[in-house]
């Protein structure tokens, strides 16, 4: 017969193993607290906190980029804490309310910064609303890195599926920016994986890689119509997390 002490130790061991197997949430933005933009840097037109258009009891971030905006290229927030070699899981919910003829970036990993002074490189990866907001697009520029067998890492311009207006869409990113073979870039739209790149994804070891969300069209581009987007439940988790855990956090 197993003693009560043995049973307790086995149970305690099982609980401990389960705890360390789970990932840790490092930062989250639900926009419900007193400082909804904590640790974020605002760029361009000021975002605002408003009731969720589908659930007025829930607070979300809203960005509006107008044709007459003083900084017509962007209305974004930025988090600069992903350091060189860190493996991270990132989740976000995005709602696009109406069509717009201009392609816009809504979520971005990068550009990679190489120095503590903030000098930016060229590597980035964007989740975009496509032309006329009919599709989701993934667009990436991972620098002109020479591959062992010849050639370079490709630029990415990928149709990631239809965009349904007025509905929250979940996105999950698993990333590790690295000059080695341990680099990771994985993107899911909901539970469907839409992109994967394993291996080197950076030419020079980065100082940090920012995460941005909002509306971005670039300073040299111009909107022909005002653009709006909503964001909620931005989650940043450590390397021990998983698709299942981040998806669960997005549902809360």
Protein backbone atom coordinates (compact mmCIF):
# COMPACT_ATOMS: atom_id res chain seq x y z
CA UNK A 1 0.00 0.00 0.00
CA UNK A 2 1.28 3.46 -0.85
CA UNK A 3 1.61 5.63 2.24
CA UNK A 4 -0.16 8.96 2.57
CA UNK A 5 3.24 10.72 2.53
CA UNK A 6 4.24 9.00 -0.72
CA UNK A 7 0.89 9.88 -2.26
CA UNK A 8 1.31 13.51 -1.22
CA UNK A 9 4.86 13.69 -2.60
CA UNK A 10 3.77 12.19 -5.91
CA UNK A 11 0.93 14.65 -6.13
CA UNK A 12 3.16 17.58 -5.20
CA UNK A 13 5.71 16.53 -7.80
CA UNK A 14 3.04 16.35 -10.48
CA UNK A 15 1.77 19.83 -9.61
CA UNK A 16 5.31 21.25 -9.65
CA UNK A 17 6.04 19.73 -13.06
CA UNK A 18 2.79 21.14 -14.45
CA UNK A 19 3.61 24.60 -13.12
CA UNK A 20 7.09 24.90 -14.62
CA UNK A 21 5.88 23.53 -17.96
CA UNK A 22 3.58 26.50 -18.44
CA UNK A 23 4.77 29.78 -19.87
CA UNK A 24 4.80 33.10 -18.06
CA UNK A 25 2.88 36.15 -19.27
CA UNK A 26 5.48 38.94 -19.33
CA UNK A 27 3.18 41.79 -20.38
CA UNK A 28 -0.45 42.18 -21.37
CA UNK A 29 -2.69 45.03 -22.47
CA UNK A 30 -6.41 44.51 -21.94
CA UNK A 31 -7.11 48.28 -21.75
CA UNK A 32 -9.23 47.77 -18.62
CA UNK A 33 -6.77 49.13 -16.02
CA UNK A 34 -6.06 52.68 -14.83
CA UNK A 35 -2.97 52.95 -17.06
CA UNK A 36 -4.09 51.20 -20.28
CA UNK A 37 -0.96 52.23 -22.20
CA UNK A 38 1.56 51.15 -19.55
CA UNK A 39 5.15 50.80 -20.86
CA UNK A 40 4.06 51.74 -24.39
CA UNK A 41 5.44 54.51 -26.62
CA UNK A 42 2.87 56.34 -28.74
CA UNK A 43 3.69 57.30 -32.32
CA UNK A 44 1.71 59.59 -34.58
CA UNK A 45 -1.99 60.21 -34.06
CA UNK A 46 -3.13 59.46 -30.50
CA UNK A 47 -5.03 56.18 -30.00
CA UNK A 48 -7.99 56.11 -27.62
CA UNK A 49 -9.74 53.71 -25.22
CA UNK A 50 -13.36 53.02 -26.15
CA UNK A 51 -16.07 50.38 -25.55
CA UNK A 52 -15.75 47.24 -27.64
CA UNK A 53 -18.08 47.67 -30.67
CA UNK A 54 -19.30 44.07 -30.12
CA UNK A 55 -19.40 44.12 -26.30
CA UNK A 56 -19.82 47.57 -24.67
CA UNK A 57 -18.76 46.19 -21.25
CA UNK A 58 -15.28 45.53 -22.61
CA UNK A 59 -12.70 48.29 -23.17
CA UNK A 60 -10.45 48.22 -26.25
CA UNK A 61 -7.90 50.38 -28.06
CA UNK A 62 -9.12 52.29 -31.12
CA UNK A 63 -6.93 53.95 -33.71
CA UNK A 64 -8.16 56.39 -36.34
CA UNK A 65 -5.90 57.68 -39.08
CA UNK A 66 -7.51 60.57 -40.94
CA UNK A 67 -6.67 61.94 -44.37
CA UNK A 68 -6.06 65.26 -42.57
CA UNK A 69 -3.91 63.82 -39.74
CA UNK A 70 -0.81 65.84 -38.88
CA UNK A 71 1.24 62.64 -39.09
CA UNK A 72 -0.63 60.94 -41.87
CA UNK A 73 1.63 57.89 -41.88
CA UNK A 74 0.83 56.29 -38.53
CA UNK A 75 -1.28 55.95 -35.39
CA UNK A 76 0.58 53.31 -33.37
CA UNK A 77 1.89 52.20 -30.00
CA UNK A 78 5.25 50.48 -29.51
CA UNK A 79 6.88 48.14 -26.95
CA UNK A 80 10.69 47.87 -27.12
CA UNK A 81 11.55 45.06 -24.70
CA UNK A 82 12.32 42.03 -26.89
CA UNK A 83 16.09 41.58 -26.65
CA UNK A 84 18.58 39.69 -28.78
CA UNK A 85 18.08 35.92 -28.74
CA UNK A 86 14.84 35.99 -26.72
CA UNK A 87 12.16 33.52 -27.78
CA UNK A 88 8.71 35.02 -27.34
CA UNK A 89 5.03 34.25 -27.96
CA UNK A 90 2.79 37.19 -28.92
CA UNK A 91 -0.99 37.31 -29.21
CA UNK A 92 -3.35 40.05 -30.40
CA UNK A 93 -6.99 40.51 -31.37
CA UNK A 94 -7.76 42.87 -34.25
CA UNK A 95 -11.12 44.13 -35.51
CA UNK A 96 -11.40 45.97 -38.84
CA UNK A 97 -14.82 47.72 -39.04
CA UNK A 98 -14.99 48.84 -42.68
CA UNK A 99 -13.37 48.57 -46.08
CA UNK A 100 -10.59 50.92 -47.10
CA UNK A 101 -8.86 51.05 -50.50
CA UNK A 102 -5.40 51.62 -48.98
CA UNK A 103 -3.31 48.71 -47.70
CA UNK A 104 -2.30 49.26 -44.05
CA UNK A 105 -0.03 47.57 -41.52
CA UNK A 106 -1.93 46.77 -38.31
CA UNK A 107 0.68 44.77 -36.35
CA UNK A 108 4.45 44.72 -36.75
CA UNK A 109 7.46 42.88 -35.36
CA UNK A 110 10.46 45.14 -35.99
CA UNK A 111 12.24 47.02 -37.42
CA UNK A 112 15.24 45.44 -35.73
CA UNK A 113 17.39 47.92 -33.81
CA UNK A 114 21.12 47.21 -33.72
CA UNK A 115 22.43 49.77 -31.24
CA UNK A 116 21.38 51.11 -27.84
CA UNK A 117 21.14 54.52 -29.51
CA UNK A 118 18.11 53.20 -31.37
CA UNK A 119 19.53 52.89 -34.89
CA UNK A 120 17.05 50.73 -36.78
CA UNK A 121 17.82 48.07 -39.33
CA UNK A 122 15.57 46.83 -42.08
CA UNK A 123 14.19 43.53 -40.78
CA UNK A 124 10.47 43.60 -40.03
CA UNK A 125 7.30 41.52 -40.38
CA UNK A 126 3.80 43.01 -40.72
CA UNK A 127 0.20 41.83 -40.46
CA UNK A 128 -1.71 43.98 -42.94
CA UNK A 129 -5.22 44.58 -44.17
CA UNK A 130 -4.91 44.12 -47.91
CA UNK A 131 -6.18 46.30 -50.72
CA UNK A 132 -9.89 47.10 -50.16
CA UNK A 133 -9.64 45.17 -46.86
CA UNK A 134 -10.68 41.96 -48.60
CA UNK A 135 -7.77 39.86 -47.36
CA UNK A 136 -5.20 39.61 -44.61
CA UNK A 137 -1.64 40.01 -45.87
CA UNK A 138 1.69 39.07 -44.31
CA UNK A 139 4.51 41.25 -45.54
CA UNK A 140 8.10 40.84 -44.45
CA UNK A 141 11.53 42.05 -45.29
CA UNK A 142 14.18 39.98 -43.52
CA UNK A 143 17.23 41.71 -45.02
CA UNK A 144 19.49 40.46 -47.78
CA UNK A 145 20.98 37.54 -45.85
CA UNK A 146 23.07 35.15 -47.94
CA UNK A 147 22.03 31.53 -47.51
CA UNK A 148 24.55 28.64 -47.33
CA UNK A 149 23.28 27.11 -50.58
CA UNK A 150 23.22 30.44 -52.37
CA UNK A 151 20.55 33.09 -52.73
CA UNK A 152 18.97 35.19 -50.01
CA UNK A 153 16.08 35.07 -47.57
CA UNK A 154 12.98 36.06 -49.53
CA UNK A 155 10.83 39.08 -49.09
CA UNK A 156 7.41 37.92 -47.94
CA UNK A 157 4.16 39.08 -49.54
CA UNK A 158 1.63 36.41 -48.60
CA UNK A 159 -2.15 36.26 -48.81
CA UNK A 160 -3.16 34.97 -45.36
CA UNK A 161 -6.86 34.48 -46.02
CA UNK A 162 -10.10 36.47 -46.18
CA UNK A 163 -10.65 39.39 -43.85
CA UNK A 164 -14.11 39.45 -42.27
CA UNK A 165 -15.14 42.99 -41.41
CA UNK A 166 -16.61 43.72 -37.97
CA UNK A 167 -15.31 40.49 -36.37
CA UNK A 168 -12.45 40.04 -33.91
CA UNK A 169 -9.58 38.10 -35.48
CA UNK A 170 -6.93 36.40 -33.31
CA UNK A 171 -3.30 36.40 -34.37
CA UNK A 172 -0.42 34.58 -32.67
CA UNK A 173 3.29 35.04 -33.38
CA UNK A 174 6.12 32.79 -32.16
CA UNK A 175 9.48 34.46 -32.73
CA UNK A 176 13.18 34.37 -31.99
CA UNK A 177 15.27 36.89 -33.89
CA UNK A 178 18.64 35.25 -34.40
CA UNK A 179 21.70 35.13 -36.65
CA UNK A 180 21.90 31.36 -36.07
CA UNK A 181 19.97 28.26 -37.04
CA UNK A 182 17.76 28.63 -33.93
CA UNK A 183 15.78 31.55 -35.38
CA UNK A 184 11.97 31.26 -35.35
CA UNK A 185 9.15 33.05 -37.13
CA UNK A 186 5.70 31.44 -36.98
CA UNK A 187 2.34 33.14 -37.58
CA UNK A 188 -1.15 31.80 -36.90
CA UNK A 189 -4.46 33.38 -37.95
CA UNK A 190 -6.66 31.86 -35.29
CA UNK A 191 -5.54 28.23 -35.05
CA UNK A 192 -4.41 28.08 -38.70
CA UNK A 193 -0.67 28.41 -39.26
CA UNK A 194 -0.15 30.74 -42.22
CA UNK A 195 3.65 31.17 -42.20
CA UNK A 196 6.79 29.50 -40.85
CA UNK A 197 10.48 30.26 -41.17
CA UNK A 198 13.02 28.31 -39.09
CA UNK A 199 16.65 29.36 -39.04
CA UNK A 200 18.61 32.58 -39.48
CA UNK A 201 16.40 35.65 -39.82
CA UNK A 202 18.78 38.49 -38.94
CA UNK A 203 22.15 39.50 -40.40
CA UNK A 204 23.56 41.23 -37.32
CA UNK A 205 22.83 40.40 -33.68
CA UNK A 206 20.05 42.84 -32.69
CA UNK A 207 19.92 45.11 -29.67
CA UNK A 208 16.14 44.90 -29.50
CA UNK A 209 13.14 44.26 -31.72
CA UNK A 210 10.00 46.32 -31.07
CA UNK A 211 6.39 45.17 -31.25
CA UNK A 212 3.98 47.71 -32.76
CA UNK A 213 0.25 47.84 -33.32
CA UNK A 214 -2.08 50.46 -34.74
CA UNK A 215 -2.39 51.78 -38.30
CA UNK A 216 0.72 52.41 -40.37
CA UNK A 217 0.92 53.31 -44.06
CA UNK A 218 4.34 54.98 -44.25
CA UNK A 219 5.19 58.65 -44.41
CA UNK A 220 5.28 58.77 -48.22
CA UNK A 221 1.83 57.17 -48.66
CA UNK A 222 -1.55 58.87 -48.40
CA UNK A 223 -5.00 57.73 -47.36
CA UNK A 224 -7.89 58.47 -49.66
CA UNK A 225 -10.38 57.61 -46.87
CA UNK A 226 -10.18 57.71 -43.08
CA UNK A 227 -9.06 54.37 -41.56
CA UNK A 228 -10.11 52.76 -38.26
CA UNK A 229 -9.00 49.62 -36.40
CA UNK A 230 -9.57 48.15 -32.92
CA UNK A 231 -7.13 46.12 -30.79
CA UNK A 232 -7.53 44.07 -27.61
CA UNK A 233 -5.77 41.48 -25.42
CA UNK A 234 -2.19 41.96 -26.57
CA UNK A 235 -0.22 39.17 -24.84
CA UNK A 236 3.55 38.71 -24.59
CA UNK A 237 4.68 35.38 -23.12
CA UNK A 238 8.05 33.71 -22.59
CA UNK A 239 9.64 30.76 -24.41
CA UNK A 240 7.82 28.18 -22.25
CA UNK A 241 4.41 29.21 -23.56
CA UNK A 242 2.52 27.64 -26.46
CA UNK A 243 -0.15 28.23 -29.07
CA UNK A 244 -2.75 26.72 -26.74
CA UNK A 245 -1.81 28.93 -23.78
CA UNK A 246 -1.76 32.18 -25.77
CA UNK A 247 -5.05 31.30 -27.47
CA UNK A 248 -6.58 30.72 -24.02
CA UNK A 249 -5.28 34.10 -22.82
CA UNK A 250 -6.79 35.82 -25.86
CA UNK A 251 -10.19 34.29 -25.03
CA UNK A 252 -10.24 35.72 -21.49
